Amino acid sequence: MTDDHTHSTTEHRECADNYLGEALRLGPYRIAVCRDGLQCLFQRQRGAIVGGGAQFDTLGYFRIRDVLERLHRAHIGPETDILASFPDRIKRGVAK
């Protein structure tokens, strides 16, 4: 699921703007599944690089929704209802 964000091609690099593991975009922030499907990434977009588009920095990792909620509060503010759609615990090998 993405927030009004479409991809013409996808990338395998977790920092890429069009990373195929993106699950949710919240303005300059996003939640993505790591390339090995072991955990999720809470990331913030930084400026674009020449020829490479926007890049993302990982601010934290999580496997349980409580940690996602803490990351969201620390970087964005109060939780939103959309976070409730995430499972309580991310299982290993989640779909990429």
C-alpha atoms as a PDB file:
ATOM      1  CA  MET A   1       0.000   0.000   0.000  1.00  0.00           C
ATOM      2  CA  THR A   2       1.291   3.457  -0.809  1.00  0.00           C
ATOM      3  CA  ASP A   3       0.008   6.975  -0.244  1.00  0.00           C
ATOM      4  CA  ASP A   4      -0.574   8.514  -3.692  1.00  0.00           C
ATOM      5  CA  HIS A   5       2.821   7.284  -4.851  1.00  0.00           C
ATOM      6  CA  THR A   6       3.278   5.292  -8.042  1.00  0.00           C
ATOM      7  CA  HIS A   7       6.355   3.551  -9.344  1.00  0.00           C
ATOM      8  CA  SER A   8       7.217   3.029 -12.998  1.00  0.00           C
ATOM      9  CA  THR A   9      10.115   0.752 -12.087  1.00  0.00           C
ATOM     10  CA  THR A  10      11.167  -0.668  -8.759  1.00  0.00           C
ATOM     11  CA  GLU A  11      14.525  -0.955  -7.059  1.00  0.00           C
ATOM     12  CA  HIS A  12      16.075  -3.510  -4.749  1.00  0.00           C
ATOM     13  CA  ARG A  13      18.127  -0.891  -2.840  1.00  0.00           C
ATOM     14  CA  GLU A  14      16.397  -0.066   0.444  1.00  0.00           C
ATOM     15  CA  CYS A  15      17.417   3.612   0.204  1.00  0.00           C
ATOM     16  CA  ALA A  16      15.986   4.095  -3.331  1.00  0.00           C
ATOM     17  CA  ASP A  17      12.895   6.246  -3.863  1.00  0.00           C
ATOM     18  CA  ASN A  18      11.251   3.463  -5.839  1.00  0.00           C
ATOM     19  CA  TYR A  19      12.266   0.582  -3.524  1.00  0.00           C
ATOM     20  CA  LEU A  20      10.010  -2.400  -4.173  1.00  0.00           C
ATOM     21  CA  GLY A  21       9.550  -3.143  -0.448  1.00  0.00           C
ATOM     22  CA  GLU A  22       7.735   0.114   0.319  1.00  0.00           C
ATOM     23  CA  ALA A  23       4.577  -0.552   2.337  1.00  0.00           C
ATOM     24  CA  LEU A  24       3.382   2.933   3.248  1.00  0.00           C
ATOM     25  CA  ARG A  25       4.384   6.515   2.493  1.00  0.00           C
ATOM     26  CA  LEU A  26       3.558   9.331   4.906  1.00  0.00           C
ATOM     27  CA  GLY A  27       4.851  12.555   3.336  1.00  0.00           C
ATOM     28  CA  PRO A  28       8.669  12.437   3.544  1.00  0.00           C
ATOM     29  CA  TYR A  29       8.503   9.265   5.688  1.00  0.00           C
ATOM     30  CA  ARG A  30       7.851   5.705   4.672  1.00  0.00           C
ATOM     31  CA  ILE A  31       7.642   2.218   6.065  1.00  0.00           C
ATOM     32  CA  ALA A  32       9.264  -0.539   4.042  1.00  0.00           C
ATOM     33  CA  VAL A  33      10.052  -4.227   4.418  1.00  0.00           C
ATOM     34  CA  CYS A  34      13.779  -4.992   4.446  1.00  0.00           C
ATOM     35  CA  ARG A  35      15.085  -6.825   1.399  1.00  0.00           C
ATOM     36  CA  ASP A  36      15.403 -10.082   3.356  1.00  0.00           C
ATOM     37  CA  GLY A  37      11.860  -9.862   4.739  1.00  0.00           C
ATOM     38  CA  LEU A  38      13.086 -10.053   8.349  1.00  0.00           C
ATOM     39  CA  GLN A  39      11.976  -6.659   9.651  1.00  0.00           C
ATOM     40  CA  CYS A  40      10.529  -3.318   8.628  1.00  0.00           C
ATOM     41  CA  LEU A  41      12.307  -0.010   8.137  1.00  0.00           C
ATOM     42  CA  PHE A  42      11.116   3.408   9.253  1.00  0.00           C
ATOM     43  CA  GLN A  43      12.701   5.850   6.802  1.00  0.00           C
ATOM     44  CA  ARG A  44      12.856   9.572   6.008  1.00  0.00           C
ATOM     45  CA  GLN A  45      13.452  11.013   2.552  1.00  0.00           C
ATOM     46  CA  ARG A  46      16.468  13.210   1.982  1.00  0.00           C
ATOM     47  CA  GLY A  47      17.359  15.297  -1.035  1.00  0.00           C
ATOM     48  CA  ALA A  48      17.764  13.885  -4.491  1.00  0.00           C
ATOM     49  CA  ILE A  49      21.167  12.943  -5.835  1.00  0.00           C
ATOM     50  CA  VAL A  50      22.200  13.616  -9.413  1.00  0.00           C
ATOM     51  CA  GLY A  51      20.919  10.822 -11.637  1.00  0.00           C
ATOM     52  CA  GLY A  52      19.605   8.827  -8.690  1.00  0.00           C
ATOM     53  CA  GLY A  53      16.450  10.545  -7.510  1.00  0.00           C
ATOM     54  CA  ALA A  54      15.456  10.956  -3.882  1.00  0.00           C
ATOM     55  CA  GLN A  55      17.078   8.719  -1.300  1.00  0.00           C
ATOM     56  CA  PHE A  56      15.860   7.489   2.089  1.00  0.00           C
ATOM     57  CA  ASP A  57      17.694   7.206   5.395  1.00  0.00           C
ATOM     58  CA  THR A  58      16.622   4.527   7.849  1.00  0.00           C
ATOM     59  CA  LEU A  59      15.716   6.023  11.223  1.00  0.00           C
ATOM     60  CA  GLY A  60      14.825   2.727  12.879  1.00  0.00           C
ATOM     61  CA  TYR A  61      13.964  -0.923  12.452  1.00  0.00           C
ATOM     62  CA  PHE A  62      11.044  -2.813  13.911  1.00  0.00           C
ATOM     63  CA  ARG A  63       9.327  -6.179  14.081  1.00  0.00           C
ATOM     64  CA  ILE A  64       6.526  -5.203  16.443  1.00  0.00           C
ATOM     65  CA  ARG A  65       3.927  -2.477  16.000  1.00  0.00           C
ATOM     66  CA  ASP A  66       4.722  -0.915  19.399  1.00  0.00           C
ATOM     67  CA  VAL A  67       8.167   0.072  18.089  1.00  0.00           C
ATOM     68  CA  LEU A  68       6.618   1.441  14.881  1.00  0.00           C
ATOM     69  CA  GLU A  69       4.300   3.582  17.005  1.00  0.00           C
ATOM     70  CA  ARG A  70       7.241   4.879  19.075  1.00  0.00           C
ATOM     71  CA  LEU A  71       9.201   5.745  15.922  1.00  0.00           C
ATOM     72  CA  HIS A  72       6.161   7.501  14.480  1.00  0.00           C
ATOM     73  CA  ARG A  73       5.661   9.558  17.677  1.00  0.00           C
ATOM     74  CA  ALA A  74       9.357  10.494  17.846  1.00  0.00           C
ATOM     75  CA  HIS A  75       9.645  11.641  14.225  1.00  0.00           C
ATOM     76  CA  ILE A  76       6.156  12.575  13.018  1.00  0.00           C
ATOM     77  CA  GLY A  77       3.864  13.018  16.007  1.00  0.00           C
ATOM     78  CA  PRO A  78       0.775  11.243  17.351  1.00  0.00           C
ATOM     79  CA  GLU A  79      -0.057   7.911  15.740  1.00  0.00           C
ATOM     80  CA  THR A  80      -2.543   7.734  12.926  1.00  0.00           C
ATOM     81  CA  ASP A  81      -5.246   5.127  12.390  1.00  0.00           C
ATOM     82  CA  ILE A  82      -3.266   3.699   9.471  1.00  0.00           C
ATOM     83  CA  LEU A  83      -0.708   2.214  11.890  1.00  0.00           C
ATOM     84  CA  ALA A  84      -3.434  -0.052  13.282  1.00  0.00           C
ATOM     85  CA  SER A  85      -3.438  -1.876   9.931  1.00  0.00           C
ATOM     86  CA  PHE A  86       0.046  -3.234  10.670  1.00  0.00           C
ATOM     87  CA  PRO A  87       0.205  -6.584  12.473  1.00  0.00           C
ATOM     88  CA  ASP A  88       1.233  -6.657  16.137  1.00  0.00           C
ATOM     89  CA  ARG A  89       4.340  -8.634  15.148  1.00  0.00           C
ATOM     90  CA  ILE A  90       6.024  -8.752  11.741  1.00  0.00           C
ATOM     91  CA  LYS A  91       6.700 -12.365  10.786  1.00  0.00           C
ATOM     92  CA  ARG A  92       9.998 -13.415   9.252  1.00  0.00           C
ATOM     93  CA  GLY A  93       9.802 -13.771   5.504  1.00  0.00           C
ATOM     94  CA  VAL A  94       7.003 -11.229   5.012  1.00  0.00           C
ATOM     95  CA  ALA A  95       6.191 -10.633   1.364  1.00  0.00           C
ATOM     96  CA  LYS A  96       8.679  -8.395  -0.434  1.00  0.00           C
END
